[in-house]
Structures are given as C-alpha cells and as structure tokens.
Amino acid sequence: VAAREASAAGIHWILAPMVDIARDPRWGRVAEGAGEDVWLAAAIA
C-alpha cells in the first residue's frame, strides 16, 4: 500500500526497509526495524 501511494506521487525508489538488527532501545532508530531476532527480522525483510 505504501508503495502504491508513493508511486502515485511519482516515486520509483523507496529507501526502505531498514533491516538492521537492534538490541539497544536507547538507539532512536530501533523504531524503524524489526527488533532483536535474526529469524523474525529476515522473514519481515
């Protein structure tokens, strides 16, 4: 859905997903990823 809407606005290249494993919630960009686990993060990627 995000790609469909972005495409309608003329975007061709989405700079996502963020697939970094993050295990330190002090880091603000933990919000952008799939969390701490390898198996789950790979499936979500």
All heavy atoms as atom14 arrays in JSON, in Angstrom:
{
  "sequence": "VAAREASAAGIHWILAPMVDIARDPRWGRVAEGAGEDVWLAAAIA",
  "atom14_mask": [
    [1, 1, 1, 1, 1, 1, 1, 0, 0, 0, 0, 0, 0, 0],
    [1, 1, 1, 1, 1, 0, 0, 0, 0, 0, 0, 0, 0, 0],
    [1, 1, 1, 1, 1, 0, 0, 0, 0, 0, 0, 0, 0, 0],
    [1, 1, 1, 1, 1, 1, 1, 1, 1, 1, 1, 0, 0, 0],
    [1, 1, 1, 1, 1, 1, 1, 1, 1, 0, 0, 0, 0, 0],
    [1, 1, 1, 1, 1, 0, 0, 0, 0, 0, 0, 0, 0, 0],
    [1, 1, 1, 1, 1, 1, 0, 0, 0, 0, 0, 0, 0, 0],
    [1, 1, 1, 1, 1, 0, 0, 0, 0, 0, 0, 0, 0, 0],
    [1, 1, 1, 1, 1, 0, 0, 0, 0, 0, 0, 0, 0, 0],
    [1, 1, 1, 1, 0, 0, 0, 0, 0, 0, 0, 0, 0, 0],
    [1, 1, 1, 1, 1, 1, 1, 1, 0, 0, 0, 0, 0, 0],
    [1, 1, 1, 1, 1, 1, 1, 1, 1, 1, 0, 0, 0, 0],
    [1, 1, 1, 1, 1, 1, 1, 1, 1, 1, 1, 1, 1, 1],
    [1, 1, 1, 1, 1, 1, 1, 1, 0, 0, 0, 0, 0, 0],
    [1, 1, 1, 1, 1, 1, 1, 1, 0, 0, 0, 0, 0, 0],
    [1, 1, 1, 1, 1, 0, 0, 0, 0, 0, 0, 0, 0, 0],
    [1, 1, 1, 1, 1, 1, 1, 0, 0, 0, 0, 0, 0, 0],
    [1, 1, 1, 1, 1, 1, 1, 1, 0, 0, 0, 0, 0, 0],
    [1, 1, 1, 1, 1, 1, 1, 0, 0, 0, 0, 0, 0, 0],
    [1, 1, 1, 1, 1, 1, 1, 1, 0, 0, 0, 0, 0, 0],
    [1, 1, 1, 1, 1, 1, 1, 1, 0, 0, 0, 0, 0, 0],
    [1, 1, 1, 1, 1, 0, 0, 0, 0, 0, 0, 0, 0, 0],
    [1, 1, 1, 1, 1, 1, 1, 1, 1, 1, 1, 0, 0, 0],
    [1, 1, 1, 1, 1, 1, 1, 1, 0, 0, 0, 0, 0, 0],
    [1, 1, 1, 1, 1, 1, 1, 0, 0, 0, 0, 0, 0, 0],
    [1, 1, 1, 1, 1, 1, 1, 1, 1, 1, 1, 0, 0, 0],
    [1, 1, 1, 1, 1, 1, 1, 1, 1, 1, 1, 1, 1, 1],
    [1, 1, 1, 1, 0, 0, 0, 0, 0, 0, 0, 0, 0, 0],
    [1, 1, 1, 1, 1, 1, 1, 1, 1, 1, 1, 0, 0, 0],
    [1, 1, 1, 1, 1, 1, 1, 0, 0, 0, 0, 0, 0, 0],
    [1, 1, 1, 1, 1, 0, 0, 0, 0, 0, 0, 0, 0, 0],
    [1, 1, 1, 1, 1, 1, 1, 1, 1, 0, 0, 0, 0, 0],
    [1, 1, 1, 1, 0, 0, 0, 0, 0, 0, 0, 0, 0, 0],
    [1, 1, 1, 1, 1, 0, 0, 0, 0, 0, 0, 0, 0, 0],
    [1, 1, 1, 1, 0, 0, 0, 0, 0, 0, 0, 0, 0, 0],
    [1, 1, 1, 1, 1, 1, 1, 1, 1, 0, 0, 0, 0, 0],
    [1, 1, 1, 1, 1, 1, 1, 1, 0, 0, 0, 0, 0, 0],
    [1, 1, 1, 1, 1, 1, 1, 0, 0, 0, 0, 0, 0, 0],
    [1, 1, 1, 1, 1, 1, 1, 1, 1, 1, 1, 1, 1, 1],
    [1, 1, 1, 1, 1, 1, 1, 1, 0, 0, 0, 0, 0, 0],
    [1, 1, 1, 1, 1, 0, 0, 0, 0, 0, 0, 0, 0, 0],
    [1, 1, 1, 1, 1, 0, 0, 0, 0, 0, 0, 0, 0, 0],
    [1, 1, 1, 1, 1, 0, 0, 0, 0, 0, 0, 0, 0, 0],
    [1, 1, 1, 1, 1, 1, 1, 1, 0, 0, 0, 0, 0, 0],
    [1, 1, 1, 1, 1, 0, 0, 0, 0, 0, 0, 0, 0, 0]
  ],
  "atom14_positions": [
    [[0.84, -1.2, 0.0], [0.0, 0.0, 0.0], [0.88, 1.25, 0.0], [0.62, 2.22, -0.73], [-0.95, -0.01, 1.2], [-1.62, 1.35, 1.38], [-2.01, -1.1, 1.05], [0.0, 0.0, 0.0], [0.0, 0.0, 0.0], [0.0, 0.0, 0.0], [0.0, 0.0, 0.0], [0.0, 0.0, 0.0], [0.0, 0.0, 0.0], [0.0, 0.0, 0.0]],
    [[1.91, 1.25, 0.84], [2.82, 2.4, 0.9], [3.45, 2.64, -0.47], [3.54, 3.79, -0.94], [3.89, 2.15, 1.96], [0.0, 0.0, 0.0], [0.0, 0.0, 0.0], [0.0, 0.0, 0.0], [0.0, 0.0, 0.0], [0.0, 0.0, 0.0], [0.0, 0.0, 0.0], [0.0, 0.0, 0.0], [0.0, 0.0, 0.0], [0.0, 0.0, 0.0]],
    [[3.87, 1.56, -1.13], [4.48, 1.69, -2.45], [3.47, 2.19, -3.48], [3.8, 3.01, -4.35], [5.05, 0.35, -2.89], [0.0, 0.0, 0.0], [0.0, 0.0, 0.0], [0.0, 0.0, 0.0], [0.0, 0.0, 0.0], [0.0, 0.0, 0.0], [0.0, 0.0, 0.0], [0.0, 0.0, 0.0], [0.0, 0.0, 0.0], [0.0, 0.0, 0.0]],
    [[2.24, 1.71, -3.39], [1.2, 2.12, -4.33], [0.94, 3.62, -4.22], [0.84, 4.33, -5.23], [-0.08, 1.33, -4.04], [-1.1, 1.33, -5.16], [-2.27, 0.42, -4.79], [-1.82, -0.94, -4.55], [-2.2, -1.68, -3.5], [-3.03, -1.18, -2.6], [-1.75, -2.9, -3.35], [0.0, 0.0, 0.0], [0.0, 0.0, 0.0], [0.0, 0.0, 0.0]],
    [[0.84, 4.11, -2.97], [0.59, 5.54, -2.78], [1.8, 6.36, -3.21], [1.66, 7.42, -3.83], [0.24, 5.82, -1.32], [-1.12, 5.28, -0.9], [-1.6, 5.84, 0.43], [-0.84, 6.61, 1.07], [-2.73, 5.54, 0.82], [0.0, 0.0, 0.0], [0.0, 0.0, 0.0], [0.0, 0.0, 0.0], [0.0, 0.0, 0.0], [0.0, 0.0, 0.0]],
    [[3.0, 5.9, -2.84], [4.21, 6.64, -3.21], [4.37, 6.68, -4.72], [4.78, 7.7, -5.3], [5.43, 5.99, -2.57], [0.0, 0.0, 0.0], [0.0, 0.0, 0.0], [0.0, 0.0, 0.0], [0.0, 0.0, 0.0], [0.0, 0.0, 0.0], [0.0, 0.0, 0.0], [0.0, 0.0, 0.0], [0.0, 0.0, 0.0], [0.0, 0.0, 0.0]],
    [[4.04, 5.59, -5.39], [4.12, 5.54, -6.84], [3.17, 6.56, -7.48], [3.51, 7.19, -8.48], [3.81, 4.13, -7.33], [3.73, 4.09, -8.73], [0.0, 0.0, 0.0], [0.0, 0.0, 0.0], [0.0, 0.0, 0.0], [0.0, 0.0, 0.0], [0.0, 0.0, 0.0], [0.0, 0.0, 0.0], [0.0, 0.0, 0.0], [0.0, 0.0, 0.0]],
    [[2.0, 6.7, -6.9], [1.04, 7.67, -7.43], [1.56, 9.1, -7.3], [1.11, 9.99, -8.03], [-0.3, 7.53, -6.7], [0.0, 0.0, 0.0], [0.0, 0.0, 0.0], [0.0, 0.0, 0.0], [0.0, 0.0, 0.0], [0.0, 0.0, 0.0], [0.0, 0.0, 0.0], [0.0, 0.0, 0.0], [0.0, 0.0, 0.0], [0.0, 0.0, 0.0]],
    [[2.5, 9.31, -6.38], [3.09, 10.63, -6.2], [4.39, 10.79, -6.99], [5.09, 11.8, -6.84], [3.36, 10.88, -4.72], [0.0, 0.0, 0.0], [0.0, 0.0, 0.0], [0.0, 0.0, 0.0], [0.0, 0.0, 0.0], [0.0, 0.0, 0.0], [0.0, 0.0, 0.0], [0.0, 0.0, 0.0], [0.0, 0.0, 0.0], [0.0, 0.0, 0.0]],
    [[4.73, 9.79, -7.81], [5.88, 9.92, -8.69], [7.16, 9.31, -8.19], [8.22, 9.46, -8.83], [0.0, 0.0, 0.0], [0.0, 0.0, 0.0], [0.0, 0.0, 0.0], [0.0, 0.0, 0.0], [0.0, 0.0, 0.0], [0.0, 0.0, 0.0], [0.0, 0.0, 0.0], [0.0, 0.0, 0.0], [0.0, 0.0, 0.0], [0.0, 0.0, 0.0]],
    [[7.13, 8.59, -7.08], [8.34, 7.96, -6.54], [8.54, 6.6, -7.19], [7.59, 5.85, -7.4], [8.22, 7.83, -5.0], [8.25, 9.22, -4.36], [9.32, 6.95, -4.42], [7.94, 9.23, -2.88], [0.0, 0.0, 0.0], [0.0, 0.0, 0.0], [0.0, 0.0, 0.0], [0.0, 0.0, 0.0], [0.0, 0.0, 0.0], [0.0, 0.0, 0.0]],
    [[9.82, 6.27, -7.49], [10.14, 5.0, -8.12], [11.02, 4.11, -7.24], [11.22, 2.94, -7.56], [10.92, 5.21, -9.43], [10.47, 6.35, -10.26], [11.33, 7.31, -10.77], [9.22, 6.71, -10.66], [10.64, 8.2, -11.45], [9.36, 7.87, -11.4], [0.0, 0.0, 0.0], [0.0, 0.0, 0.0], [0.0, 0.0, 0.0], [0.0, 0.0, 0.0]],
    [[11.56, 4.69, -6.19], [12.62, 4.02, -5.43], [12.41, 4.32, -3.95], [12.55, 5.47, -3.53], [13.97, 4.52, -5.92], [15.19, 3.91, -5.32], [15.32, 2.71, -4.71], [16.48, 4.52, -5.29], [16.61, 2.51, -4.3], [17.34, 3.61, -4.65], [17.01, 5.73, -5.74], [18.7, 3.9, -4.44], [18.35, 6.0, -5.53], [19.18, 5.09, -4.89]],
    [[12.04, 3.32, -3.19], [11.79, 3.5, -1.75], [13.04, 3.12, -0.97], [13.53, 1.99, -1.08], [10.58, 2.67, -1.3], [9.29, 3.34, -1.81], [10.54, 2.5, 0.21], [8.02, 2.63, -1.41], [0.0, 0.0, 0.0], [0.0, 0.0, 0.0], [0.0, 0.0, 0.0], [0.0, 0.0, 0.0], [0.0, 0.0, 0.0], [0.0, 0.0, 0.0]],
    [[13.55, 4.05, -0.17], [14.75, 3.81, 0.63], [14.35, 3.11, 1.92], [14.42, 3.66, 3.02], [15.47, 5.13, 0.89], [15.84, 5.92, -0.38], [16.6, 7.19, -0.02], [16.64, 5.06, -1.36], [0.0, 0.0, 0.0], [0.0, 0.0, 0.0], [0.0, 0.0, 0.0], [0.0, 0.0, 0.0], [0.0, 0.0, 0.0], [0.0, 0.0, 0.0]],
    [[13.93, 1.89, 1.78], [13.46, 1.04, 2.87], [13.35, -0.37, 2.27], [13.35, -0.52, 1.04], [12.1, 1.52, 3.4], [0.0, 0.0, 0.0], [0.0, 0.0, 0.0], [0.0, 0.0, 0.0], [0.0, 0.0, 0.0], [0.0, 0.0, 0.0], [0.0, 0.0, 0.0], [0.0, 0.0, 0.0], [0.0, 0.0, 0.0], [0.0, 0.0, 0.0]],
    [[13.28, -1.41, 3.11], [13.13, -1.37, 4.57], [14.47, -1.27, 5.29], [15.51, -1.63, 4.74], [12.48, -2.72, 4.87], [13.06, -3.63, 3.81], [13.16, -2.78, 2.57], [0.0, 0.0, 0.0], [0.0, 0.0, 0.0], [0.0, 0.0, 0.0], [0.0, 0.0, 0.0], [0.0, 0.0, 0.0], [0.0, 0.0, 0.0], [0.0, 0.0, 0.0]],
    [[14.42, -0.77, 6.54], [15.58, -0.86, 7.4], [15.57, -2.25, 8.02], [14.61, -2.62, 8.69], [15.56, 0.2, 8.5], [16.9, 0.27, 9.23], [16.89, 1.27, 10.73], [16.47, 0.02, 11.95], [0.0, 0.0, 0.0], [0.0, 0.0, 0.0], [0.0, 0.0, 0.0], [0.0, 0.0, 0.0], [0.0, 0.0, 0.0], [0.0, 0.0, 0.0]],
    [[16.63, -3.0, 7.81], [16.67, -4.39, 8.28], [17.77, -4.61, 9.32], [18.16, -5.74, 9.58], [16.81, -5.37, 7.1], [15.64, -5.22, 6.14], [18.12, -5.19, 6.36], [0.0, 0.0, 0.0], [0.0, 0.0, 0.0], [0.0, 0.0, 0.0], [0.0, 0.0, 0.0], [0.0, 0.0, 0.0], [0.0, 0.0, 0.0], [0.0, 0.0, 0.0]],
    [[18.25, -3.52, 9.92], [19.28, -3.65, 10.95], [18.71, -4.33, 12.2], [17.66, -3.93, 12.71], [19.79, -2.26, 11.36], [20.46, -1.54, 10.2], [21.49, -2.02, 9.75], [19.93, -0.5, 9.76], [0.0, 0.0, 0.0], [0.0, 0.0, 0.0], [0.0, 0.0, 0.0], [0.0, 0.0, 0.0], [0.0, 0.0, 0.0], [0.0, 0.0, 0.0]],
    [[19.44, -5.33, 12.69], [19.11, -5.91, 14.0], [19.46, -4.88, 15.06], [20.54, -4.3, 15.05], [19.92, -7.2, 14.24], [19.55, -8.26, 13.2], [19.7, -7.73, 15.66], [18.15, -8.8, 13.31], [0.0, 0.0, 0.0], [0.0, 0.0, 0.0], [0.0, 0.0, 0.0], [0.0, 0.0, 0.0], [0.0, 0.0, 0.0], [0.0, 0.0, 0.0]],
    [[18.54, -4.64, 16.0], [18.76, -3.63, 17.05], [18.43, -4.22, 18.41], [17.31, -4.7, 18.63], [17.9, -2.4, 16.77], [0.0, 0.0, 0.0], [0.0, 0.0, 0.0], [0.0, 0.0, 0.0], [0.0, 0.0, 0.0], [0.0, 0.0, 0.0], [0.0, 0.0, 0.0], [0.0, 0.0, 0.0], [0.0, 0.0, 0.0], [0.0, 0.0, 0.0]],
    [[19.39, -4.18, 19.31], [19.23, -4.75, 20.64], [19.46, -3.73, 21.74], [19.59, -4.09, 22.9], [20.18, -5.94, 20.79], [19.8, -7.08, 19.86], [20.79, -8.22, 19.85], [20.26, -9.37, 19.11], [20.92, -10.49, 18.89], [22.16, -10.63, 19.32], [20.35, -11.48, 18.22], [0.0, 0.0, 0.0], [0.0, 0.0, 0.0], [0.0, 0.0, 0.0]],
    [[19.51, -2.46, 21.37], [19.72, -1.38, 22.34], [18.63, -0.35, 22.15], [18.69, 0.48, 21.24], [21.1, -0.75, 22.12], [21.48, 0.2, 23.25], [20.56, 0.73, 23.91], [22.69, 0.4, 23.48], [0.0, 0.0, 0.0], [0.0, 0.0, 0.0], [0.0, 0.0, 0.0], [0.0, 0.0, 0.0], [0.0, 0.0, 0.0], [0.0, 0.0, 0.0]],
    [[17.6, -0.36, 23.01], [16.49, 0.57, 22.83], [16.83, 2.02, 23.11], [16.0, 2.9, 22.88], [15.42, 0.05, 23.79], [16.16, -0.75, 24.8], [17.34, -1.33, 24.08], [0.0, 0.0, 0.0], [0.0, 0.0, 0.0], [0.0, 0.0, 0.0], [0.0, 0.0, 0.0], [0.0, 0.0, 0.0], [0.0, 0.0, 0.0], [0.0, 0.0, 0.0]],
    [[18.03, 2.3, 23.57], [18.44, 3.71, 23.67], [18.57, 4.32, 22.29], [18.42, 5.53, 22.12], [19.77, 3.82, 24.43], [19.7, 3.45, 25.9], [21.07, 3.42, 26.53], [21.93, 2.4, 25.92], [23.19, 2.17, 26.3], [23.74, 2.9, 27.27], [23.9, 1.21, 25.71], [0.0, 0.0, 0.0], [0.0, 0.0, 0.0], [0.0, 0.0, 0.0]],
    [[18.91, 3.48, 21.31], [19.07, 3.93, 19.93], [17.72, 4.32, 19.34], [16.79, 3.51, 19.31], [19.72, 2.8, 19.12], [20.12, 3.15, 17.73], [20.86, 4.23, 17.33], [19.84, 2.4, 16.54], [21.06, 4.2, 15.96], [20.45, 3.09, 15.45], [19.15, 1.22, 16.29], [20.36, 2.63, 14.14], [19.07, 0.77, 14.98], [19.67, 1.46, 13.92]],
    [[17.6, 5.54, 18.86], [16.3, 6.01, 18.37], [15.78, 5.27, 17.18], [14.56, 5.12, 16.99], [0.0, 0.0, 0.0], [0.0, 0.0, 0.0], [0.0, 0.0, 0.0], [0.0, 0.0, 0.0], [0.0, 0.0, 0.0], [0.0, 0.0, 0.0], [0.0, 0.0, 0.0], [0.0, 0.0, 0.0], [0.0, 0.0, 0.0], [0.0, 0.0, 0.0]],
    [[16.68, 4.75, 16.34], [16.24, 4.11, 15.12], [15.8, 2.67, 15.33], [15.46, 1.97, 14.36], [17.32, 4.21, 14.04], [17.63, 5.64, 13.67], [18.47, 5.79, 12.43], [17.66, 5.71, 11.22], [18.09, 6.08, 10.01], [19.32, 6.54, 9.87], [17.31, 5.97, 8.96], [0.0, 0.0, 0.0], [0.0, 0.0, 0.0], [0.0, 0.0, 0.0]],
    [[15.76, 2.24, 16.58], [15.15, 0.94, 16.87], [13.71, 0.93, 16.38], [13.16, -0.12, 16.02], [15.24, 0.63, 18.38], [14.33, 1.53, 19.19], [14.92, -0.82, 18.67], [0.0, 0.0, 0.0], [0.0, 0.0, 0.0], [0.0, 0.0, 0.0], [0.0, 0.0, 0.0], [0.0, 0.0, 0.0], [0.0, 0.0, 0.0], [0.0, 0.0, 0.0]],
    [[13.08, 2.11, 16.3], [11.7, 2.22, 15.84], [11.53, 1.77, 14.39], [10.45, 1.35, 13.99], [11.22, 3.67, 15.97], [0.0, 0.0, 0.0], [0.0, 0.0, 0.0], [0.0, 0.0, 0.0], [0.0, 0.0, 0.0], [0.0, 0.0, 0.0], [0.0, 0.0, 0.0], [0.0, 0.0, 0.0], [0.0, 0.0, 0.0], [0.0, 0.0, 0.0]],
    [[12.59, 1.86, 13.59], [12.5, 1.61, 12.15], [12.7, 0.16, 11.76], [12.52, -0.2, 10.59], [13.54, 2.44, 11.4], [13.28, 3.92, 11.41], [14.38, 4.65, 10.65], [14.63, 4.29, 9.48], [15.0, 5.55, 11.22], [0.0, 0.0, 0.0], [0.0, 0.0, 0.0], [0.0, 0.0, 0.0], [0.0, 0.0, 0.0], [0.0, 0.0, 0.0]],
    [[13.14, -0.68, 12.69], [13.49, -2.05, 12.34], [12.51, -3.06, 12.88], [11.42, -2.74, 13.35], [0.0, 0.0, 0.0], [0.0, 0.0, 0.0], [0.0, 0.0, 0.0], [0.0, 0.0, 0.0], [0.0, 0.0, 0.0], [0.0, 0.0, 0.0], [0.0, 0.0, 0.0], [0.0, 0.0, 0.0], [0.0, 0.0, 0.0], [0.0, 0.0, 0.0]],
    [[12.93, -4.33, 12.82], [12.06, -5.44, 13.23], [12.47, -6.02, 14.58], [11.97, -7.07, 14.96], [12.09, -6.52, 12.17], [0.0, 0.0, 0.0], [0.0, 0.0, 0.0], [0.0, 0.0, 0.0], [0.0, 0.0, 0.0], [0.0, 0.0, 0.0], [0.0, 0.0, 0.0], [0.0, 0.0, 0.0], [0.0, 0.0, 0.0], [0.0, 0.0, 0.0]],
    [[13.38, -5.35, 15.29], [13.71, -5.81, 16.62], [15.02, -6.56, 16.7], [15.96, -6.33, 15.92], [0.0, 0.0, 0.0], [0.0, 0.0, 0.0], [0.0, 0.0, 0.0], [0.0, 0.0, 0.0], [0.0, 0.0, 0.0], [0.0, 0.0, 0.0], [0.0, 0.0, 0.0], [0.0, 0.0, 0.0], [0.0, 0.0, 0.0], [0.0, 0.0, 0.0]],
    [[15.08, -7.52, 17.64], [16.35, -8.11, 18.03], [16.66, -9.46, 17.4], [17.8, -9.92, 17.49], [16.39, -8.28, 19.55], [15.47, -9.38, 20.08], [15.47, -9.47, 21.59], [15.29, -8.42, 22.26], [15.65, -10.58, 22.11], [0.0, 0.0, 0.0], [0.0, 0.0, 0.0], [0.0, 0.0, 0.0], [0.0, 0.0, 0.0], [0.0, 0.0, 0.0]],
    [[15.68, -10.11, 16.79], [15.89, -11.5, 16.39], [16.18, -11.66, 14.91], [15.56, -11.03, 14.05], [14.66, -12.34, 16.74], [14.86, -13.79, 16.35], [15.67, -14.46, 17.03], [14.26, -14.24, 15.36], [0.0, 0.0, 0.0], [0.0, 0.0, 0.0], [0.0, 0.0, 0.0], [0.0, 0.0, 0.0], [0.0, 0.0, 0.0], [0.0, 0.0, 0.0]],
    [[17.11, -12.56, 14.6], [17.55, -12.78, 13.23], [16.46, -13.43, 12.38], [16.17, -12.99, 11.27], [18.81, -13.68, 13.22], [19.32, -13.87, 11.8], [19.9, -13.09, 14.1], [0.0, 0.0, 0.0], [0.0, 0.0, 0.0], [0.0, 0.0, 0.0], [0.0, 0.0, 0.0], [0.0, 0.0, 0.0], [0.0, 0.0, 0.0], [0.0, 0.0, 0.0]],
    [[15.85, -14.49, 12.9], [14.87, -15.26, 12.12], [13.65, -14.4, 11.79], [13.2, -14.35, 10.64], [14.46, -16.5, 12.91], [13.6, -17.46, 12.13], [12.24, -17.46, 12.04], [14.05, -18.56, 11.32], [11.81, -18.48, 11.24], [12.9, -19.18, 10.78], [15.31, -19.08, 11.01], [12.98, -20.29, 9.95], [15.38, -20.19, 10.18], [14.23, -20.78, 9.66]],
    [[13.13, -13.71, 12.8], [11.96, -12.86, 12.59], [12.3, -11.7, 11.66], [11.53, -11.38, 10.74], [11.44, -12.34, 13.93], [10.24, -11.39, 13.87], [9.04, -12.07, 13.24], [9.89, -10.88, 15.27], [0.0, 0.0, 0.0], [0.0, 0.0, 0.0], [0.0, 0.0, 0.0], [0.0, 0.0, 0.0], [0.0, 0.0, 0.0], [0.0, 0.0, 0.0]],
    [[13.45, -11.05, 11.88], [13.83, -9.91, 11.04], [14.01, -10.32, 9.59], [13.65, -9.57, 8.67], [15.1, -9.27, 11.58], [0.0, 0.0, 0.0], [0.0, 0.0, 0.0], [0.0, 0.0, 0.0], [0.0, 0.0, 0.0], [0.0, 0.0, 0.0], [0.0, 0.0, 0.0], [0.0, 0.0, 0.0], [0.0, 0.0, 0.0], [0.0, 0.0, 0.0]],
    [[14.57, -11.51, 9.35], [14.74, -11.97, 7.97], [13.39, -12.21, 7.31], [13.19, -11.86, 6.13], [15.58, -13.25, 7.96], [0.0, 0.0, 0.0], [0.0, 0.0, 0.0], [0.0, 0.0, 0.0], [0.0, 0.0, 0.0], [0.0, 0.0, 0.0], [0.0, 0.0, 0.0], [0.0, 0.0, 0.0], [0.0, 0.0, 0.0], [0.0, 0.0, 0.0]],
    [[12.46, -12.81, 8.04], [11.12, -13.04, 7.48], [10.44, -11.71, 7.14], [9.78, -11.57, 6.09], [10.27, -13.83, 8.48], [0.0, 0.0, 0.0], [0.0, 0.0, 0.0], [0.0, 0.0, 0.0], [0.0, 0.0, 0.0], [0.0, 0.0, 0.0], [0.0, 0.0, 0.0], [0.0, 0.0, 0.0], [0.0, 0.0, 0.0], [0.0, 0.0, 0.0]],
    [[10.6, -10.72, 8.01], [9.97, -9.42, 7.78], [10.66, -8.7, 6.63], [10.0, -8.02, 5.82], [10.0, -8.59, 9.08], [9.02, -9.21, 10.1], [9.64, -7.14, 8.81], [9.06, -8.58, 11.46], [0.0, 0.0, 0.0], [0.0, 0.0, 0.0], [0.0, 0.0, 0.0], [0.0, 0.0, 0.0], [0.0, 0.0, 0.0], [0.0, 0.0, 0.0]],
    [[11.98, -8.84, 6.5], [12.69, -8.24, 5.37], [12.14, -8.78, 4.05], [11.91, -8.01, 3.1], [14.19, -8.51, 5.48], [0.0, 0.0, 0.0], [0.0, 0.0, 0.0], [0.0, 0.0, 0.0], [0.0, 0.0, 0.0], [0.0, 0.0, 0.0], [0.0, 0.0, 0.0], [0.0, 0.0, 0.0], [0.0, 0.0, 0.0], [0.0, 0.0, 0.0]]
  ]
}
